Amino acid sequence: MITDVSLWPLIGVGVIIAGFVLRFNPMLVVIATAIATAFAAGFGLERILATIGTGFIKTRNLPLIILLPLAVIGLLERHGLRQHAQNWISSIKSATTGRLLVVYLAARQLTAAVGLTSLGGHPQMVRPLLAPMAEGAAQTKYGTLPQRIRHKLRANSAATDNVGLFFGEDIFVAFGAIVLMVTFLREAGIEVEPIHVALWGIPTAICAFVIHGWRMHRLDKLLEKELGGGRAAEEVAAEQAAAAKSVEAR
């Protein structure tokens, strides 16, 4: 006999959406979501605290795993990692921002396809190396860059890492999503081998590479259009003048 299913626990979805839209602290949003969902599901306060405590005990080593690499990267940056990356890419005259990001995209996809997903990432690769190199390549050609262009290059660097990882790891046969799909299909009576699912990720990865590579080609064209002919220096001068006026007004 089918019983009515309470939809009240779905209130947690609304809480998490509202929290992120209002830009509250993500940790507080997640905790509030968990508590709201638990109360809506009929959990008592004691059971909620016990569940949260159990989860904390199981993952207590996770912050150490995250913080240690960040400390190492911070130390490297303090000793000039970003500046060395910029100087090195500036020495390659044929390098452009788009070409650099396409090369990184290929490397990111290939390494993710064999399971080496930790070789890249925003904190350990994009911020200290890739973004400064992208800025350095553009700066070599156009001179000092306006802030809006710097932010655009950083965003494209992060996007390139995301695309490479997302579509590259789908080819790795032991990727969690592939295992999940195979298990789900098997429970539904459909037998499929993990290698077959992974192979079908190759056309998608190729399409992603071509599309994002075209976007990086357009990025080079956009930089030439907006910064060529000395326009970069003019915009930087305007930014500096506006900043000086702002300081005087204060």
Protein backbone atom coordinates (compact mmCIF):
# COMPACT_ATOMS: atom_id res chain seq x y z
CA MET A 1 0.00 0.00 0.00
CA ILE A 2 1.39 3.42 -1.01
CA THR A 3 1.45 5.93 1.81
CA ASP A 4 1.51 9.70 1.47
CA VAL A 5 5.01 11.14 1.28
CA SER A 6 5.67 14.34 3.19
CA LEU A 7 7.16 17.07 1.05
CA TRP A 8 8.02 19.30 4.00
CA PRO A 9 11.69 18.17 4.08
CA LEU A 10 12.08 19.84 0.67
CA ILE A 11 11.95 23.14 2.51
CA GLY A 12 15.72 22.77 2.77
CA VAL A 13 15.98 23.40 -0.99
CA GLY A 14 14.27 26.76 -0.53
CA VAL A 15 16.54 27.63 2.40
CA ILE A 16 19.72 26.91 0.48
CA ILE A 17 18.53 28.84 -2.60
CA ALA A 18 17.51 31.84 -0.48
CA GLY A 19 20.82 31.75 1.42
CA PHE A 20 22.94 31.76 -1.71
CA VAL A 21 20.81 34.39 -3.44
CA LEU A 22 21.18 36.66 -0.41
CA ARG A 23 24.92 35.82 -0.31
CA PHE A 24 25.03 34.63 3.26
CA ASN A 25 28.02 32.68 4.54
CA PRO A 26 27.93 29.30 2.72
CA MET A 27 28.76 27.36 5.88
CA LEU A 28 25.89 28.97 7.78
CA VAL A 29 23.54 28.34 4.85
CA VAL A 30 24.42 24.64 4.74
CA ILE A 31 23.99 24.26 8.51
CA ALA A 32 20.66 26.11 8.44
CA THR A 33 19.51 23.93 5.55
CA ALA A 34 20.42 20.74 7.40
CA ILE A 35 18.61 21.85 10.57
CA ALA A 36 15.51 23.04 8.67
CA THR A 37 15.32 19.79 6.71
CA ALA A 38 15.79 17.67 9.83
CA PHE A 39 13.05 19.49 11.74
CA ALA A 40 10.70 19.23 8.74
CA ALA A 41 11.38 15.48 8.63
CA GLY A 42 10.40 15.13 12.27
CA PHE A 43 13.87 14.71 13.78
CA GLY A 44 14.27 15.71 17.40
CA LEU A 45 16.97 18.10 18.55
CA GLU A 46 19.01 15.29 20.11
CA ARG A 47 18.97 13.26 16.90
CA ILE A 48 19.96 16.31 14.82
CA LEU A 49 22.95 17.06 17.04
CA ALA A 50 23.97 13.39 17.03
CA THR A 51 23.85 13.24 13.23
CA ILE A 52 25.88 16.43 12.85
CA GLY A 53 28.41 15.17 15.40
CA THR A 54 28.75 11.83 13.62
CA GLY A 55 29.37 13.59 10.32
CA PHE A 56 31.99 15.83 11.91
CA ILE A 57 33.86 12.87 13.41
CA LYS A 58 33.93 11.07 10.05
CA THR A 59 35.32 14.10 8.19
CA ARG A 60 37.47 15.76 10.88
CA ASN A 61 40.63 15.23 8.82
CA LEU A 62 39.16 16.94 5.76
CA PRO A 63 40.03 20.53 6.81
CA LEU A 64 43.65 19.47 7.30
CA ILE A 65 43.75 18.02 3.77
CA ILE A 66 42.38 21.29 2.38
CA LEU A 67 44.41 23.73 4.47
CA LEU A 68 47.85 22.18 4.05
CA PRO A 69 48.04 22.71 0.25
CA LEU A 70 46.70 26.25 0.68
CA ALA A 71 49.49 27.02 3.16
CA VAL A 72 52.12 25.70 0.75
CA ILE A 73 50.66 27.69 -2.16
CA GLY A 74 50.53 30.83 -0.03
CA LEU A 75 54.19 30.39 0.88
CA LEU A 76 55.13 29.97 -2.79
CA GLU A 77 53.17 33.08 -3.74
CA ARG A 78 54.90 35.07 -1.02
CA HIS A 79 58.22 34.15 -2.61
CA GLY A 80 57.16 35.38 -6.06
CA LEU A 81 55.50 32.41 -7.77
CA ARG A 82 52.99 34.63 -9.60
CA GLN A 83 55.67 37.08 -10.73
CA HIS A 84 57.92 34.27 -12.01
CA ALA A 85 54.99 32.77 -13.93
CA GLN A 86 54.23 36.13 -15.54
CA ASN A 87 57.87 36.75 -16.42
CA TRP A 88 58.27 33.30 -17.96
CA ILE A 89 55.23 33.54 -20.21
CA SER A 90 56.23 37.09 -21.18
CA SER A 91 59.48 35.72 -22.59
CA ILE A 92 57.53 33.66 -25.15
CA LYS A 93 56.73 36.24 -27.82
CA SER A 94 54.28 34.07 -29.77
CA ALA A 95 52.18 33.29 -26.69
CA THR A 96 48.72 34.80 -26.45
CA THR A 97 46.15 34.44 -23.73
CA GLY A 98 43.89 32.32 -25.92
CA ARG A 99 46.66 29.96 -27.02
CA LEU A 100 47.88 29.54 -23.47
CA LEU A 101 44.40 28.63 -22.21
CA VAL A 102 43.82 26.19 -25.08
CA VAL A 103 47.08 24.39 -24.22
CA TYR A 104 46.05 24.23 -20.57
CA LEU A 105 42.58 22.99 -21.56
CA ALA A 106 44.13 20.10 -23.51
CA ALA A 107 46.46 19.21 -20.63
CA ARG A 108 43.62 19.43 -18.09
CA GLN A 109 41.35 17.18 -20.13
CA LEU A 110 44.03 14.57 -20.81
CA THR A 111 45.18 14.35 -17.20
CA ALA A 112 41.59 14.21 -15.90
CA ALA A 113 40.84 11.46 -18.42
CA VAL A 114 43.41 9.22 -16.72
CA GLY A 115 42.22 10.07 -13.22
CA LEU A 116 44.74 12.79 -12.31
CA THR A 117 42.08 15.32 -11.33
CA SER A 118 44.17 16.91 -8.57
CA LEU A 119 46.88 18.21 -10.90
CA GLY A 120 44.80 21.33 -11.59
CA GLY A 121 42.23 23.32 -9.69
CA HIS A 122 41.47 26.93 -8.80
CA PRO A 123 43.53 27.32 -5.60
CA GLN A 124 46.55 25.25 -6.60
CA MET A 125 46.83 26.05 -10.32
CA VAL A 126 44.52 28.81 -11.61
CA ARG A 127 45.20 31.52 -9.02
CA PRO A 128 48.97 31.15 -8.55
CA LEU A 129 49.96 30.10 -12.10
CA LEU A 130 47.39 30.08 -14.90
CA ALA A 131 45.73 33.46 -14.31
CA PRO A 132 49.06 35.33 -13.86
CA MET A 133 50.38 33.68 -17.03
CA ALA A 134 47.23 34.68 -18.95
CA GLU A 135 47.65 38.26 -17.72
CA GLY A 136 51.36 38.19 -18.54
CA ALA A 137 50.72 37.07 -22.12
CA ALA A 138 48.24 39.91 -22.64
CA GLN A 139 50.45 42.44 -20.87
CA THR A 140 53.40 41.62 -23.12
CA LYS A 141 51.33 42.54 -26.16
CA TYR A 142 49.23 45.44 -24.88
CA GLY A 143 51.08 46.87 -21.89
CA THR A 144 49.51 47.50 -18.49
CA LEU A 145 46.00 46.03 -18.40
CA PRO A 146 42.83 47.71 -17.10
CA GLN A 147 41.24 46.07 -14.07
CA ARG A 148 38.17 44.91 -16.00
CA ILE A 149 40.40 43.03 -18.45
CA ARG A 150 42.35 41.44 -15.60
CA HIS A 151 39.10 40.19 -14.08
CA LYS A 152 37.97 38.89 -17.47
CA LEU A 153 41.20 36.94 -17.94
CA ARG A 154 40.96 35.46 -14.44
CA ALA A 155 37.38 34.39 -15.10
CA ASN A 156 38.34 32.74 -18.39
CA SER A 157 41.25 30.97 -16.69
CA ALA A 158 38.92 29.53 -14.06
CA ALA A 159 36.36 28.58 -16.71
CA THR A 160 39.02 26.75 -18.73
CA ASP A 161 39.99 24.69 -15.70
CA ASN A 162 36.31 23.86 -15.05
CA VAL A 163 35.64 22.77 -18.64
CA GLY A 164 38.79 20.66 -18.84
CA LEU A 165 38.08 18.87 -15.57
CA PHE A 166 34.34 18.39 -16.08
CA PHE A 167 34.54 16.85 -19.54
CA GLY A 168 37.88 15.13 -19.03
CA GLU A 169 36.98 13.14 -15.94
CA ASP A 170 33.91 11.71 -17.71
CA ILE A 171 36.32 9.58 -19.74
CA PHE A 172 37.96 8.06 -16.66
CA VAL A 173 36.43 4.62 -16.20
CA ALA A 174 36.63 4.73 -12.39
CA PHE A 175 35.03 8.17 -12.10
CA GLY A 176 32.30 8.23 -9.45
CA ALA A 177 29.58 9.47 -11.80
CA ILE A 178 30.24 6.58 -14.20
CA VAL A 179 30.05 4.06 -11.39
CA LEU A 180 26.81 5.66 -10.21
CA MET A 181 25.26 5.51 -13.70
CA VAL A 182 26.29 1.88 -14.19
CA THR A 183 24.85 0.92 -10.80
CA PHE A 184 21.60 2.78 -11.48
CA LEU A 185 21.17 1.16 -14.89
CA ARG A 186 21.96 -2.27 -13.48
CA GLU A 187 19.27 -1.88 -10.83
CA ALA A 188 16.86 -0.94 -13.62
CA GLY A 189 17.71 -4.17 -15.44
CA ILE A 190 20.03 -2.63 -18.03
CA GLU A 191 23.47 -4.21 -18.13
CA VAL A 192 26.22 -1.89 -19.32
CA GLU A 193 29.98 -1.94 -18.84
CA PRO A 194 31.73 1.07 -17.28
CA ILE A 195 34.21 1.19 -20.17
CA HIS A 196 31.35 1.71 -22.62
CA VAL A 197 30.00 4.66 -20.62
CA ALA A 198 33.49 6.16 -20.42
CA LEU A 199 34.05 5.78 -24.17
CA TRP A 200 30.83 7.65 -24.89
CA GLY A 201 32.29 10.55 -22.93
CA ILE A 202 35.01 11.02 -25.57
CA PRO A 203 32.81 12.69 -28.24
CA THR A 204 31.45 15.08 -25.61
CA ALA A 205 34.97 15.93 -24.44
CA ILE A 206 36.08 16.60 -28.02
CA CYS A 207 33.09 18.87 -28.63
CA ALA A 208 33.80 20.72 -25.38
CA PHE A 209 37.43 21.21 -26.42
CA VAL A 210 36.48 22.55 -29.86
CA ILE A 211 33.79 24.89 -28.52
CA HIS A 212 35.91 26.28 -25.69
CA GLY A 213 38.93 26.53 -27.97
CA TRP A 214 36.83 28.66 -30.32
CA ARG A 215 35.81 30.83 -27.37
CA MET A 216 39.47 31.36 -26.50
CA HIS A 217 40.15 32.35 -30.12
CA ARG A 218 37.37 34.90 -29.80
CA LEU A 219 38.95 36.09 -26.54
CA ASP A 220 42.16 36.93 -28.40
CA LYS A 221 40.16 38.82 -31.02
CA LEU A 222 38.27 40.68 -28.29
CA LEU A 223 41.49 41.71 -26.55
CA GLU A 224 42.90 42.99 -29.83
CA LYS A 225 39.72 44.96 -30.50
CA GLU A 226 39.53 46.51 -27.02
CA LEU A 227 43.23 47.02 -26.23
CA GLY A 228 44.98 47.35 -29.59
CA GLY A 229 46.32 50.65 -30.81
CA GLY A 230 47.27 51.97 -27.37
CA ARG A 231 43.72 51.86 -26.01
CA ALA A 232 44.90 49.83 -23.00
CA ALA A 233 47.17 52.66 -21.82
CA GLU A 234 44.36 55.18 -22.26
CA GLU A 235 41.93 53.11 -20.20
CA VAL A 236 44.51 52.53 -17.46
CA ALA A 237 45.18 56.28 -17.32
CA ALA A 238 41.45 56.94 -17.02
CA GLU A 239 41.18 54.39 -14.21
CA GLN A 240 44.06 56.00 -12.34
CA ALA A 241 42.54 59.46 -12.74
CA ALA A 242 39.19 58.22 -11.43
CA ALA A 243 40.91 56.58 -8.46
CA ALA A 244 42.79 59.81 -7.68
CA LYS A 245 39.54 61.81 -7.76
CA SER A 246 37.92 59.28 -5.46
CA VAL A 247 40.77 59.64 -2.95
CA GLU A 248 40.55 63.45 -3.09
CA ALA A 249 36.78 63.32 -2.55
CA ARG A 250 37.30 61.35 0.64
